[in-house]
Amino acid sequence: MKSVRSFAVATFVFLIALSASAQKPAFHAGQWWKDKNSVYREAFVNGFKSGMHHAAGHNTELSSFTATVLVDGVNKFYSDFRNLNINIDDALQYVTDQMSGVPDDTLKAHILKLRASSVGTPVED
């Protein structure tokens, strides 16, 4: 009886571990962004800006822009279906570069690299 109970417990633990490992990791890109409301988006960008400030130990170029302006830029960025697989970190950097006056030819080369590197990355359902 004890061995049957031990087997049942071991099987249960194994199935829980298997289920947890089968879950997809969070993929923060275009579809994820589109599924969030405007309050969440603005809070996310404010948190991202704060984290970047903390990591750098000083203001970054990102802090030059309000969260509202950055959200608008990211919304526009993800409105192009070719950008949906690009990670939010890269999208925010691209939008910041765009608003900072980085030349168009540099931006074009950058977006092509981002799109190429995101090929094959699954878009969330």
Protein backbone atom coordinates (compact mmCIF):
# COMPACT_ATOMS: atom_id res chain seq x y z
CA MET A 1 0.00 0.00 0.00
CA LYS A 2 2.84 2.35 0.90
CA SER A 3 4.57 1.75 -2.44
CA VAL A 4 1.35 2.47 -4.36
CA ARG A 5 0.93 5.74 -2.48
CA SER A 6 4.59 6.68 -3.07
CA PHE A 7 4.20 5.89 -6.75
CA ALA A 8 1.05 8.03 -6.97
CA VAL A 9 2.76 10.98 -5.25
CA ALA A 10 5.84 10.65 -7.46
CA THR A 11 3.65 10.52 -10.58
CA PHE A 12 1.69 13.57 -9.45
CA VAL A 13 4.88 15.57 -8.80
CA PHE A 14 6.28 14.49 -12.18
CA LEU A 15 3.12 15.60 -14.00
CA ILE A 16 3.16 19.00 -12.28
CA ALA A 17 6.82 19.50 -13.22
CA LEU A 18 6.11 18.43 -16.80
CA SER A 19 3.16 20.82 -17.02
CA ALA A 20 5.21 23.73 -15.69
CA SER A 21 8.03 23.12 -18.17
CA ALA A 22 5.58 22.99 -21.08
CA GLN A 23 4.32 26.53 -20.50
CA LYS A 24 5.62 29.13 -22.93
CA PRO A 25 7.91 31.84 -21.58
CA ALA A 26 6.60 35.39 -21.89
CA PHE A 27 7.36 36.90 -25.27
CA HIS A 28 7.11 40.67 -25.09
CA ALA A 29 6.64 41.81 -28.66
CA GLY A 30 3.93 43.22 -30.92
CA GLN A 31 0.99 40.96 -30.20
CA TRP A 32 1.68 41.11 -26.47
CA TRP A 33 1.76 44.93 -26.72
CA LYS A 34 -1.47 45.08 -28.72
CA ASP A 35 -3.26 42.97 -26.11
CA LYS A 36 -2.53 45.52 -23.36
CA ASN A 37 -4.61 48.60 -22.62
CA SER A 38 -3.24 52.15 -22.65
CA VAL A 39 -2.87 52.37 -18.86
CA TYR A 40 -0.81 49.17 -18.81
CA ARG A 41 1.32 50.35 -21.74
CA GLU A 42 2.11 53.66 -20.08
CA ALA A 43 2.90 51.98 -16.75
CA PHE A 44 5.13 49.46 -18.54
CA VAL A 45 7.07 52.23 -20.30
CA ASN A 46 7.46 54.19 -17.05
CA GLY A 47 8.80 51.06 -15.36
CA PHE A 48 11.10 50.35 -18.29
CA LYS A 49 12.46 53.92 -18.15
CA SER A 50 13.01 53.61 -14.41
CA GLY A 51 14.80 50.29 -14.83
CA MET A 52 17.06 51.67 -17.54
CA HIS A 53 17.88 54.69 -15.35
CA HIS A 54 18.70 52.40 -12.44
CA ALA A 55 20.82 50.05 -14.59
CA ALA A 56 22.77 52.91 -16.18
CA GLY A 57 23.10 54.88 -12.94
CA HIS A 58 22.09 58.06 -14.75
CA ASN A 59 19.47 59.42 -17.12
CA THR A 60 19.45 57.78 -20.52
CA GLU A 61 18.22 59.13 -23.83
CA LEU A 62 14.99 57.29 -23.12
CA SER A 63 14.30 59.62 -20.19
CA SER A 64 14.17 62.59 -22.58
CA PHE A 65 10.68 61.53 -23.66
CA THR A 66 7.45 61.11 -21.75
CA ALA A 67 5.86 57.70 -21.46
CA THR A 68 2.87 58.96 -23.46
CA VAL A 69 5.06 59.95 -26.40
CA LEU A 70 6.96 56.66 -26.27
CA VAL A 71 3.71 54.66 -26.13
CA ASP A 72 2.46 56.51 -29.21
CA GLY A 73 5.71 55.70 -30.99
CA VAL A 74 5.59 52.02 -30.05
CA ASN A 75 1.93 51.83 -31.13
CA LYS A 76 2.95 53.19 -34.53
CA PHE A 77 5.95 50.85 -34.66
CA TYR A 78 3.79 47.77 -34.06
CA SER A 79 1.09 48.93 -36.48
CA ASP A 80 3.43 47.63 -39.21
CA PHE A 81 2.86 43.86 -39.33
CA ARG A 82 6.52 43.31 -40.22
CA ASN A 83 7.50 44.51 -36.75
CA LEU A 84 5.23 42.24 -34.67
CA ASN A 85 8.02 39.76 -33.80
CA ILE A 86 10.43 42.46 -32.63
CA ASN A 87 10.97 42.51 -28.87
CA ILE A 88 9.63 45.52 -26.93
CA ASP A 89 13.16 46.44 -25.75
CA ASP A 90 14.29 46.83 -29.36
CA ALA A 91 11.07 48.64 -30.30
CA LEU A 92 11.57 51.22 -27.55
CA GLN A 93 15.19 51.75 -28.57
CA TYR A 94 14.17 52.19 -32.21
CA VAL A 95 11.43 54.70 -31.31
CA THR A 96 13.86 56.59 -29.06
CA ASP A 97 16.43 56.73 -31.87
CA GLN A 98 13.74 57.88 -34.29
CA MET A 99 12.62 60.71 -31.98
CA SER A 100 16.23 61.67 -31.23
CA GLY A 101 16.89 62.47 -34.86
CA VAL A 102 18.95 59.46 -35.90
CA PRO A 103 19.29 59.68 -39.71
CA ASP A 104 16.70 57.78 -41.77
CA ASP A 105 19.29 55.61 -43.56
CA THR A 106 20.66 54.44 -40.18
CA LEU A 107 17.13 53.73 -38.93
CA LYS A 108 16.28 51.81 -42.10
CA ALA A 109 19.36 49.59 -41.73
CA HIS A 110 18.54 49.04 -38.06
CA ILE A 111 14.91 48.04 -38.68
CA LEU A 112 15.97 45.61 -41.40
CA LYS A 113 18.38 43.93 -38.96
CA LEU A 114 15.71 43.77 -36.26
CA ARG A 115 13.22 42.21 -38.67
CA ALA A 116 15.79 39.69 -39.92
CA SER A 117 16.80 38.66 -36.41
CA SER A 118 13.17 38.19 -35.37
CA VAL A 119 12.30 35.86 -38.26
CA GLY A 120 11.14 32.54 -36.92
CA THR A 121 10.27 33.99 -33.54
CA PRO A 122 6.72 32.87 -32.78
CA VAL A 123 4.05 35.50 -32.45
CA GLU A 124 1.89 34.87 -29.39
CA ASP A 125 -1.69 33.75 -29.89
